Amino acid sequence: MRISVFIVIAGHILGLASQPAIAEQNIKMCSSGSITLGSFSDHVAELRKFDRYPAEDIDDLVRKKRQGGPQFFSSQIVMKEEQSGSGDFDLNLFQGFSDPQAKYRALKAWACGADDYPIAYFVGFTVREIRDGAIFVSREKGAVNVISLKDLDPDLDKHTSVKVFRSGSVLCQDIGAGCINTIFYGRW
């Protein structure tokens, strides 16, 4: 027992995120890595510098953060429906991935192309398994897993849920529609 705990601790110290064990369904892993985000207030200030989003959208994000609590910004599930440069720009900007304070470290190089979309980003979560129309995740601060949903829910109309591994608690009843208020959900 002590050896396995030591291995887990050593892996986190060295930045080696555990690879997800995706069971039952053959789902493509687009990328995995780790991210350190800046503060939410720095992120909001960064968004306000750009003249890209209406003030109401940014104010709505601040309201959602207040309701979602302290883990809101570091717990993200983001849908990307198709490959596009402007969509990537908006996703990275609005979700805080391109903030100057954000630091990303890829553990697995990007492996998805246009035919693999839609994709889902899980920030602060590790994908553990996919079965019975659900994606099971565990919380892992700073973890980033990006998976293709092409074979699971290609039109985002199958009401694929996201649940906590082992407990079965629902984070997203339908990944194509939204998540509970403690999750920073985006769809681009």
Protein backbone atom coordinates (compact mmCIF):
# COMPACT_ATOMS: atom_id res chain seq x y z
CA MET A 1 0.00 0.00 0.00
CA ARG A 2 2.76 2.47 0.95
CA ILE A 3 4.61 1.77 -2.30
CA SER A 4 1.54 2.50 -4.44
CA VAL A 5 0.85 5.73 -2.54
CA PHE A 6 4.50 6.72 -3.05
CA ILE A 7 4.25 5.98 -6.78
CA VAL A 8 1.12 8.13 -7.12
CA ILE A 9 2.73 11.00 -5.19
CA ALA A 10 5.96 10.72 -7.20
CA GLY A 11 3.98 10.72 -10.44
CA HIS A 12 2.21 13.95 -9.49
CA ILE A 13 5.45 15.60 -8.39
CA LEU A 14 7.03 14.71 -11.73
CA GLY A 15 3.95 15.92 -13.59
CA LEU A 16 3.01 12.49 -14.90
CA ALA A 17 -0.77 12.46 -15.09
CA SER A 18 -2.28 9.02 -15.12
CA GLN A 19 -3.49 7.95 -18.53
CA PRO A 20 -7.22 7.39 -18.59
CA ALA A 21 -8.44 3.82 -18.80
CA ILE A 22 -11.22 4.20 -21.34
CA ALA A 23 -13.18 0.96 -21.14
CA GLU A 24 -15.86 -0.69 -23.25
CA GLN A 25 -15.96 2.01 -25.92
CA ASN A 26 -13.13 2.74 -28.32
CA ILE A 27 -12.77 6.50 -27.90
CA LYS A 28 -9.94 8.48 -29.40
CA MET A 29 -7.82 10.52 -26.99
CA CYS A 30 -6.97 13.77 -28.79
CA SER A 31 -4.55 15.03 -26.17
CA SER A 32 -3.73 15.02 -22.49
CA GLY A 33 -1.65 17.27 -20.32
CA SER A 34 -1.73 19.62 -17.38
CA ILE A 35 -2.63 23.27 -17.06
CA THR A 36 -2.13 25.92 -14.43
CA LEU A 37 -4.65 28.70 -14.88
CA GLY A 38 -4.27 32.22 -13.56
CA SER A 39 -6.80 33.68 -11.15
CA PHE A 40 -10.39 34.16 -12.23
CA SER A 41 -10.16 37.92 -11.63
CA ASP A 42 -7.10 38.11 -13.93
CA HIS A 43 -9.06 36.13 -16.52
CA VAL A 44 -12.01 38.52 -16.37
CA ALA A 45 -9.65 41.49 -16.72
CA GLU A 46 -8.10 39.80 -19.77
CA LEU A 47 -11.54 39.27 -21.34
CA ARG A 48 -12.49 42.90 -20.75
CA LYS A 49 -9.33 44.06 -22.61
CA PHE A 50 -10.66 42.51 -25.81
CA ASP A 51 -13.56 44.07 -27.60
CA ARG A 52 -14.75 40.63 -28.68
CA TYR A 53 -17.47 39.79 -26.14
CA PRO A 54 -20.38 41.93 -24.93
CA ALA A 55 -20.05 43.17 -21.35
CA GLU A 56 -23.25 41.22 -20.54
CA ASP A 57 -21.54 37.92 -21.48
CA ILE A 58 -18.60 38.67 -19.20
CA ASP A 59 -20.90 39.82 -16.38
CA ASP A 60 -22.87 36.57 -16.82
CA LEU A 61 -19.62 34.59 -16.49
CA VAL A 62 -18.80 36.45 -13.25
CA ARG A 63 -22.30 35.65 -11.94
CA LYS A 64 -21.86 31.95 -12.83
CA LYS A 65 -18.50 31.90 -11.02
CA ARG A 66 -20.12 33.37 -7.90
CA GLN A 67 -22.81 30.70 -8.02
CA GLY A 68 -20.40 27.91 -8.96
CA GLY A 69 -17.95 28.41 -6.13
CA PRO A 70 -14.17 28.27 -5.79
CA GLN A 71 -13.56 25.30 -8.13
CA PHE A 72 -15.66 26.73 -10.98
CA PHE A 73 -12.79 28.15 -13.07
CA SER A 74 -10.52 25.11 -12.59
CA SER A 75 -13.32 22.58 -13.34
CA GLN A 76 -14.21 22.90 -17.01
CA ILE A 77 -16.02 20.78 -19.57
CA VAL A 78 -15.90 22.32 -23.02
CA MET A 79 -17.44 21.12 -26.26
CA LYS A 80 -15.92 21.96 -29.65
CA GLU A 81 -18.24 21.01 -32.48
CA GLU A 82 -15.94 21.44 -35.46
CA GLN A 83 -12.38 22.33 -36.31
CA SER A 84 -12.04 26.07 -36.96
CA GLY A 85 -9.48 28.74 -36.28
CA SER A 86 -11.91 31.34 -34.92
CA GLY A 87 -13.62 28.69 -32.76
CA ASP A 88 -10.26 27.67 -31.31
CA PHE A 89 -9.42 31.31 -30.65
CA ASP A 90 -12.72 31.90 -28.81
CA LEU A 91 -12.49 28.65 -26.86
CA ASN A 92 -8.94 29.37 -25.70
CA LEU A 93 -9.66 33.02 -24.90
CA PHE A 94 -13.04 32.70 -23.16
CA GLN A 95 -12.12 29.57 -21.17
CA GLY A 96 -8.85 31.16 -20.01
CA PHE A 97 -6.46 28.75 -21.74
CA SER A 98 -4.67 31.56 -23.59
CA ASP A 99 -4.43 33.98 -20.65
CA PRO A 100 -0.83 35.16 -20.07
CA GLN A 101 -0.90 33.48 -16.64
CA ALA A 102 -1.98 30.08 -18.03
CA LYS A 103 0.73 27.44 -18.42
CA TYR A 104 -0.03 24.26 -20.39
CA ARG A 105 2.15 21.17 -20.58
CA ALA A 106 1.21 18.53 -23.15
CA LEU A 107 1.80 14.93 -22.14
CA LYS A 108 0.30 13.55 -25.35
CA ALA A 109 0.66 15.41 -28.63
CA TRP A 110 -2.52 16.47 -30.47
CA ALA A 111 -3.87 13.46 -32.39
CA CYS A 112 -7.29 14.55 -33.70
CA GLY A 113 -8.24 15.92 -37.08
CA ALA A 114 -11.38 17.41 -38.56
CA ASP A 115 -12.98 13.96 -38.92
CA ASP A 116 -12.74 13.38 -35.15
CA TYR A 117 -15.04 16.24 -34.15
CA PRO A 118 -16.97 16.96 -32.00
CA ILE A 119 -14.44 16.85 -29.18
CA ALA A 120 -14.69 17.47 -25.44
CA TYR A 121 -12.12 19.14 -23.20
CA PHE A 122 -12.05 18.02 -19.56
CA VAL A 123 -10.06 20.47 -17.42
CA GLY A 124 -9.56 19.49 -13.79
CA PHE A 125 -10.77 15.98 -14.62
CA THR A 126 -9.30 12.73 -15.89
CA VAL A 127 -11.49 10.58 -18.12
CA ARG A 128 -11.60 7.13 -16.49
CA GLU A 129 -14.03 5.14 -18.60
CA ILE A 130 -16.86 5.42 -21.07
CA ARG A 131 -19.80 3.04 -20.93
CA ASP A 132 -23.57 2.93 -21.06
CA GLY A 133 -23.84 6.36 -22.71
CA ALA A 134 -21.80 8.05 -19.97
CA ILE A 135 -18.30 9.46 -19.60
CA PHE A 136 -16.89 8.74 -16.14
CA VAL A 137 -14.31 11.18 -14.78
CA SER A 138 -12.39 11.77 -11.59
CA ARG A 139 -11.28 15.14 -10.33
CA GLU A 140 -7.61 15.84 -10.77
CA LYS A 141 -6.48 19.42 -10.30
CA GLY A 142 -4.77 20.76 -13.40
CA ALA A 143 -5.37 17.68 -15.55
CA VAL A 144 -6.48 18.15 -19.15
CA ASN A 145 -8.01 15.34 -21.24
CA VAL A 146 -9.41 15.99 -24.70
CA ILE A 147 -11.41 13.20 -26.34
CA SER A 148 -13.21 12.72 -29.63
CA LEU A 149 -16.96 12.23 -29.34
CA LYS A 150 -17.32 11.19 -33.00
CA ASP A 151 -18.07 7.52 -32.21
CA LEU A 152 -19.97 8.20 -28.99
CA ASP A 153 -22.24 11.15 -29.81
CA PRO A 154 -21.40 12.60 -33.26
CA ASP A 155 -24.33 15.03 -33.39
CA LEU A 156 -24.41 15.77 -29.63
CA ASP A 157 -28.00 14.55 -29.55
CA LYS A 158 -27.71 11.27 -27.61
CA HIS A 159 -27.79 12.95 -24.18
CA THR A 160 -24.38 11.59 -23.22
CA SER A 161 -23.89 12.23 -19.52
CA VAL A 162 -20.75 12.95 -17.53
CA LYS A 163 -20.53 11.29 -14.13
CA VAL A 164 -18.03 11.04 -11.30
CA PHE A 165 -16.15 7.73 -11.45
CA ARG A 166 -17.23 5.33 -8.70
CA SER A 167 -19.88 7.57 -7.10
CA GLY A 168 -21.94 8.05 -10.25
CA SER A 169 -22.79 11.65 -9.29
CA VAL A 170 -23.96 13.52 -12.38
CA LEU A 171 -21.88 16.49 -13.53
CA CYS A 172 -23.60 16.87 -16.92
CA GLN A 173 -26.96 15.26 -17.62
CA ASP A 174 -26.35 15.95 -21.31
CA ILE A 175 -22.83 16.99 -22.36
CA GLY A 176 -24.28 18.71 -25.42
CA ALA A 177 -26.51 20.98 -23.32
CA GLY A 178 -24.65 21.94 -20.14
CA CYS A 179 -23.43 20.88 -16.72
CA ILE A 180 -24.11 21.57 -13.05
CA ASN A 181 -23.32 25.10 -11.88
CA THR A 182 -19.97 24.20 -10.29
CA ILE A 183 -18.58 23.37 -13.76
CA PHE A 184 -17.43 26.08 -16.20
CA TYR A 185 -19.20 24.73 -19.30
CA GLY A 186 -18.51 25.97 -22.80
CA ARG A 187 -19.71 24.99 -26.23
CA TRP A 188 -17.94 26.35 -29.30
